[in-house]
Amino acid sequence: MERYVDVAPGVRLWAEYLPATGPTPGAPILLIMGANTSGLAWPDELVTRLAEHHPVIRYDHRDTGRSTWSEDDPDYGPIELAQDAIAVLDAFDVPQAHLVGMSLGGILVQLLLLDHPERIATATVFCTGPLPLPGVELPGPAEPLLRMWAELDDPRDAEGELTWRVEHWRLLNGTGTPFDPAEFRALEERIIAHTGHIDAPSAHARMVIEGLDRGAELAGVDVPTLVIEAPDDPAYPPPNHGTLARALGAGRLVRIPGMGHAINRTVIPPLAAAILTQTQQRTPSHA
């Protein structure tokens, strides 16, 4: 089931609801992707594994995929993107869901844990770091990645854009697990076909970042939350993941050896297993 969700004047999000395929499905899983990335970046194999136990919802953030693209610098930030996730749940009449967030999606899940815990059965985040914590300094993205991000808006023809995206995934993937360029080229070809144009999504890099200095509040979170450590992540290198798990009042940490900042075929089985173990932590009360 696909639909568009109105989240602000003139702003619509594309969203997809995939029914569970198993006999006794649990509450839905809402997948929240990272910055400048369509919801179709969630690999179908992962979605299929999750859908054996839960309905699965994925969606395109503003300025990605089939959602509304703006011509100007964005007039929204992470706070609004987090609220968009609630609007997607409301659109599908889901009172409570298991949230899974990657990268920026993990930041948005943290905001939702603070502001809308009643809508969350369990949470899983990976390839992310904590909201700013008082007195805590953590390593940022690797320099080669920062240099590549500076090229987001560079003009490229269709083949050049596709090549750039594959090389970006290669850098994000790291060296701890095999990287198959054909796998990620096929992924980006699918995303481009879904989006309907070749324009590079880059608006999230220009967002005004406000309202995130709330890391100290994470200690009060009582929703079961799993942090998955990706030890070869060049965007959120260790100890970002462990620091986040310790900061959360109901956090625990598991490690997927060799994982970087990409969901390749190698990591799909352990990632799906970790998420599904987490979703069984608590039976949601739809209060």
Protein backbone atom coordinates (compact mmCIF):
# COMPACT_ATOMS: atom_id res chain seq x y z
CA MET A 1 0.00 0.00 0.00
CA GLU A 2 1.48 3.33 -1.10
CA ARG A 3 0.16 6.75 -0.19
CA TYR A 4 1.16 10.38 0.19
CA VAL A 5 1.12 12.01 3.60
CA ASP A 6 0.63 15.76 4.01
CA VAL A 7 3.01 16.99 6.72
CA ALA A 8 3.14 20.76 6.12
CA PRO A 9 1.60 23.27 3.69
CA GLY A 10 2.74 22.19 0.25
CA VAL A 11 4.80 19.26 1.59
CA ARG A 12 3.83 15.63 0.97
CA LEU A 13 5.76 12.48 1.82
CA TRP A 14 5.67 9.23 -0.12
CA ALA A 15 5.13 6.26 2.20
CA GLU A 16 4.69 2.52 1.75
CA TYR A 17 3.00 0.00 4.05
CA LEU A 18 3.95 -3.66 3.52
CA PRO A 19 1.72 -6.19 5.32
CA ALA A 20 3.28 -8.90 7.43
CA THR A 21 3.65 -12.27 5.75
CA GLY A 22 3.76 -14.39 8.92
CA PRO A 23 0.76 -15.86 10.74
CA THR A 24 1.00 -13.84 13.98
CA PRO A 25 2.36 -10.39 13.17
CA GLY A 26 3.44 -7.95 15.84
CA ALA A 27 3.12 -4.17 15.82
CA PRO A 28 4.40 -2.43 12.67
CA ILE A 29 8.05 -1.51 12.18
CA LEU A 30 8.71 2.04 10.97
CA LEU A 31 12.00 2.39 9.09
CA ILE A 32 13.59 5.85 9.25
CA MET A 33 16.44 6.35 6.80
CA GLY A 34 19.42 8.71 6.97
CA ALA A 35 20.02 12.15 5.48
CA ASN A 36 19.49 12.78 1.77
CA THR A 37 18.40 9.18 1.30
CA SER A 38 15.17 7.70 -0.03
CA GLY A 39 13.29 5.10 1.95
CA LEU A 40 14.03 2.69 -0.89
CA ALA A 41 17.60 2.52 0.41
CA TRP A 42 16.24 -0.02 2.90
CA PRO A 43 17.13 -3.21 0.99
CA ASP A 44 14.21 -5.37 -0.06
CA GLU A 45 15.87 -8.44 1.46
CA LEU A 46 15.95 -6.75 4.86
CA VAL A 47 12.36 -5.55 4.52
CA THR A 48 11.25 -9.07 3.53
CA ARG A 49 12.93 -10.60 6.59
CA LEU A 50 11.30 -8.06 8.90
CA ALA A 51 7.90 -8.49 7.23
CA GLU A 52 7.88 -12.17 8.20
CA HIS A 53 7.06 -10.93 11.72
CA HIS A 54 5.74 -7.36 11.39
CA PRO A 55 4.09 -5.03 8.91
CA VAL A 56 6.80 -2.68 7.65
CA ILE A 57 6.49 1.01 6.83
CA ARG A 58 9.15 2.96 4.95
CA TYR A 59 8.94 6.46 3.56
CA ASP A 60 10.85 9.20 1.76
CA HIS A 61 12.00 12.17 3.83
CA ARG A 62 11.32 15.63 2.51
CA ASP A 63 13.61 16.43 -0.44
CA THR A 64 14.21 12.76 -1.25
CA GLY A 65 12.55 10.19 -3.48
CA ARG A 66 8.94 10.91 -4.40
CA SER A 67 8.36 13.30 -1.52
CA THR A 68 8.18 17.05 -2.08
CA TRP A 69 11.43 18.67 -3.19
CA SER A 70 12.00 22.35 -2.44
CA GLU A 71 13.90 24.72 -4.69
CA ASP A 72 15.28 26.79 -1.83
CA ASP A 73 17.31 25.99 1.26
CA PRO A 74 15.17 23.91 3.60
CA ASP A 75 12.94 25.71 6.08
CA TYR A 76 12.92 22.66 8.35
CA GLY A 77 15.35 20.75 10.53
CA PRO A 78 15.58 17.49 12.47
CA ILE A 79 12.71 18.50 14.75
CA GLU A 80 10.33 18.70 11.81
CA LEU A 81 11.71 15.50 10.27
CA ALA A 82 11.02 13.69 13.54
CA GLN A 83 7.45 15.00 13.53
CA ASP A 84 7.10 13.72 9.96
CA ALA A 85 7.61 10.19 11.27
CA ILE A 86 4.65 10.62 13.62
CA ALA A 87 2.56 11.93 10.73
CA VAL A 88 3.38 8.78 8.75
CA LEU A 89 2.24 6.58 11.65
CA ASP A 90 -0.95 8.61 11.93
CA ALA A 91 -1.60 8.27 8.20
CA PHE A 92 -1.63 4.49 8.52
CA ASP A 93 -3.60 4.55 11.82
CA VAL A 94 -0.70 3.04 13.77
CA PRO A 95 -0.90 4.00 17.46
CA GLN A 96 2.42 2.41 18.38
CA ALA A 97 5.31 1.01 16.35
CA HIS A 98 8.79 -0.40 16.60
CA LEU A 99 11.15 2.31 15.30
CA VAL A 100 14.34 1.52 13.40
CA GLY A 101 16.61 4.43 12.50
CA MET A 102 19.88 4.60 10.56
CA SER A 103 22.29 7.56 10.69
CA LEU A 104 20.17 10.75 10.79
CA GLY A 105 17.25 8.38 11.28
CA GLY A 106 18.87 7.33 14.55
CA ILE A 107 18.99 10.96 15.67
CA LEU A 108 15.31 11.33 14.81
CA VAL A 109 14.48 8.19 16.80
CA GLN A 110 16.22 9.71 19.83
CA LEU A 111 14.07 12.84 19.53
CA LEU A 112 10.98 10.67 19.28
CA LEU A 113 12.02 8.68 22.36
CA LEU A 114 12.12 11.97 24.25
CA ASP A 115 8.97 13.56 22.86
CA HIS A 116 6.68 10.69 21.87
CA PRO A 117 7.62 7.60 23.91
CA GLU A 118 3.98 6.50 23.98
CA ARG A 119 4.16 5.90 20.21
CA ILE A 120 7.18 3.58 20.46
CA ALA A 121 7.08 -0.10 21.40
CA THR A 122 10.83 -0.61 21.00
CA ALA A 123 13.59 1.28 19.22
CA THR A 124 16.65 0.17 17.28
CA VAL A 125 19.30 2.59 16.01
CA PHE A 126 22.55 2.02 14.17
CA CYS A 127 25.24 3.94 12.29
CA THR A 128 24.47 6.93 14.48
CA GLY A 129 25.63 8.80 17.56
CA PRO A 130 24.01 10.39 20.59
CA LEU A 131 22.35 13.75 20.80
CA PRO A 132 24.96 16.18 22.19
CA LEU A 133 25.97 15.18 25.71
CA PRO A 134 27.36 17.72 28.19
CA GLY A 135 31.14 17.51 28.38
CA VAL A 136 31.41 14.64 25.88
CA GLU A 137 33.48 14.99 22.70
CA LEU A 138 33.12 12.24 20.09
CA PRO A 139 34.93 11.68 16.79
CA GLY A 140 33.21 12.93 13.66
CA PRO A 141 33.17 11.70 10.08
CA ALA A 142 36.41 10.66 8.41
CA GLU A 143 38.14 13.31 6.29
CA PRO A 144 37.70 11.44 2.97
CA LEU A 145 33.98 11.30 3.64
CA LEU A 146 33.81 15.01 4.44
CA ARG A 147 35.61 15.78 1.17
CA MET A 148 33.11 13.70 -0.76
CA TRP A 149 30.15 15.37 0.97
CA ALA A 150 31.52 18.71 -0.23
CA GLU A 151 30.83 17.46 -3.77
CA LEU A 152 27.12 16.75 -3.19
CA ASP A 153 25.96 19.72 -5.29
CA ASP A 154 28.60 19.46 -8.01
CA PRO A 155 27.10 19.24 -11.51
CA ARG A 156 27.20 15.75 -13.02
CA ASP A 157 25.57 14.04 -15.96
CA ALA A 158 23.42 10.94 -15.36
CA GLU A 159 26.27 8.45 -15.59
CA GLY A 160 28.54 10.67 -13.52
CA GLU A 161 25.90 10.98 -10.81
CA LEU A 162 25.40 7.22 -10.68
CA THR A 163 29.15 6.62 -10.52
CA TRP A 164 29.51 9.21 -7.74
CA ARG A 165 26.76 7.57 -5.68
CA VAL A 166 28.35 4.13 -5.97
CA GLU A 167 31.73 5.51 -4.92
CA HIS A 168 30.02 7.25 -2.00
CA TRP A 169 28.59 3.92 -0.87
CA ARG A 170 32.03 2.34 -1.26
CA LEU A 171 33.49 4.90 1.14
CA LEU A 172 30.57 4.53 3.56
CA ASN A 173 30.79 0.75 3.48
CA GLY A 174 34.32 0.72 4.87
CA THR A 175 36.67 -2.21 4.51
CA GLY A 176 35.33 -4.54 7.21
CA THR A 177 32.84 -6.29 4.89
CA PRO A 178 32.94 -6.92 1.12
CA PHE A 179 31.70 -4.14 -1.14
CA ASP A 180 29.96 -5.11 -4.37
CA PRO A 181 29.65 -2.07 -6.66
CA ALA A 182 27.04 -3.86 -8.79
CA GLU A 183 24.82 -4.28 -5.72
CA PHE A 184 24.86 -0.57 -4.93
CA ARG A 185 24.62 0.51 -8.56
CA ALA A 186 21.41 -1.53 -8.84
CA LEU A 187 20.17 0.05 -5.61
CA GLU A 188 20.80 3.58 -6.89
CA GLU A 189 19.28 2.81 -10.29
CA ARG A 190 16.14 1.71 -8.48
CA ILE A 191 16.11 4.84 -6.29
CA ILE A 192 16.56 7.07 -9.35
CA ALA A 193 13.70 5.32 -11.16
CA HIS A 194 11.54 5.67 -8.05
CA THR A 195 12.42 9.36 -7.70
CA GLY A 196 11.81 10.14 -11.36
CA HIS A 197 14.91 12.28 -11.90
CA ILE A 198 18.67 12.19 -11.49
CA ASP A 199 19.01 15.29 -9.27
CA ALA A 200 21.24 14.69 -6.28
CA PRO A 201 19.42 14.96 -2.93
CA SER A 202 21.42 17.43 -0.85
CA ALA A 203 18.94 19.64 1.04
CA HIS A 204 19.54 17.92 4.38
CA ALA A 205 23.14 19.07 4.30
CA ARG A 206 21.82 22.65 4.37
CA MET A 207 19.31 22.24 7.21
CA VAL A 208 19.46 24.57 10.18
CA ILE A 209 20.37 22.30 13.09
CA GLU A 210 18.55 23.48 16.20
CA GLY A 211 16.99 21.89 19.26
CA LEU A 212 19.33 18.89 19.51
CA ASP A 213 21.16 19.75 22.76
CA ARG A 214 19.13 17.20 24.68
CA GLY A 215 21.54 14.35 25.22
CA ALA A 216 21.27 14.57 29.00
CA GLU A 217 17.56 13.70 28.71
CA LEU A 218 18.35 10.29 27.20
CA ALA A 219 19.01 8.91 30.69
CA GLY A 220 15.27 9.14 31.36
CA VAL A 221 14.28 6.98 28.37
CA ASP A 222 12.44 3.84 29.50
CA VAL A 223 11.55 2.45 26.06
CA PRO A 224 13.72 -0.61 25.32
CA THR A 225 16.33 0.67 22.87
CA LEU A 226 18.96 -1.31 20.99
CA VAL A 227 22.09 0.40 19.69
CA ILE A 228 23.90 -1.59 17.01
CA GLU A 229 27.61 -0.86 16.83
CA ALA A 230 29.08 -0.70 13.34
CA PRO A 231 32.82 -0.86 14.11
CA ASP A 232 33.92 0.16 10.59
CA ASP A 233 31.54 3.13 10.31
CA PRO A 234 33.40 6.15 8.87
CA ALA A 235 30.52 8.56 9.55
CA TYR A 236 29.92 7.71 13.24
CA PRO A 237 33.09 5.88 14.28
CA PRO A 238 33.40 4.21 17.67
CA PRO A 239 32.89 5.08 20.46
CA ASN A 240 29.74 6.91 19.20
CA HIS A 241 27.58 3.80 19.40
CA GLY A 242 28.74 2.69 22.84
CA THR A 243 28.40 6.21 24.23
CA LEU A 244 24.82 6.37 23.00
CA ALA A 245 23.96 2.98 24.53
CA ARG A 246 25.36 4.07 27.91
CA ALA A 247 23.54 7.40 27.75
CA LEU A 248 20.15 5.76 27.28
CA GLY A 249 18.17 4.81 30.33
CA ALA A 250 16.99 1.58 28.69
CA GLY A 251 19.76 1.03 26.17
CA ARG A 252 21.76 -2.03 25.26
CA LEU A 253 24.52 -2.56 22.71
CA VAL A 254 25.23 -5.30 20.21
CA ARG A 255 28.01 -5.37 17.62
CA ILE A 256 27.91 -6.48 14.00
CA PRO A 257 31.55 -7.26 13.16
CA GLY A 258 32.93 -5.40 10.16
CA MET A 259 29.81 -3.34 9.52
CA GLY A 260 30.29 0.13 8.10
CA HIS A 261 27.80 2.85 7.22
CA ALA A 262 25.97 0.77 4.60
CA ILE A 263 23.55 -2.14 4.52
CA ASN A 264 25.21 -4.62 2.18
CA ARG A 265 24.20 -8.24 1.66
CA THR A 266 26.76 -9.41 4.21
CA VAL A 267 25.21 -7.53 7.12
CA ILE A 268 21.51 -8.02 6.28
CA PRO A 269 21.12 -11.37 8.12
CA PRO A 270 22.69 -10.24 11.44
CA LEU A 271 21.00 -6.83 11.19
CA ALA A 272 17.57 -8.36 10.66
CA ALA A 273 18.16 -10.84 13.49
CA ALA A 274 19.17 -8.06 15.89
CA ILE A 275 16.13 -5.93 15.00
CA LEU A 276 13.72 -8.84 15.36
CA THR A 277 15.21 -9.85 18.70
CA GLN A 278 14.65 -6.28 19.87
CA THR A 279 11.05 -6.09 18.67
CA GLN A 280 10.24 -9.02 20.92
CA GLN A 281 11.46 -7.18 24.02
CA ARG A 282 8.04 -5.88 24.97
CA THR A 283 4.43 -6.35 23.90
CA PRO A 284 3.25 -2.84 23.02
CA SER A 285 0.37 -1.35 24.98
CA HIS A 286 -1.63 0.85 22.67
CA ALA A 287 -2.46 3.27 25.46
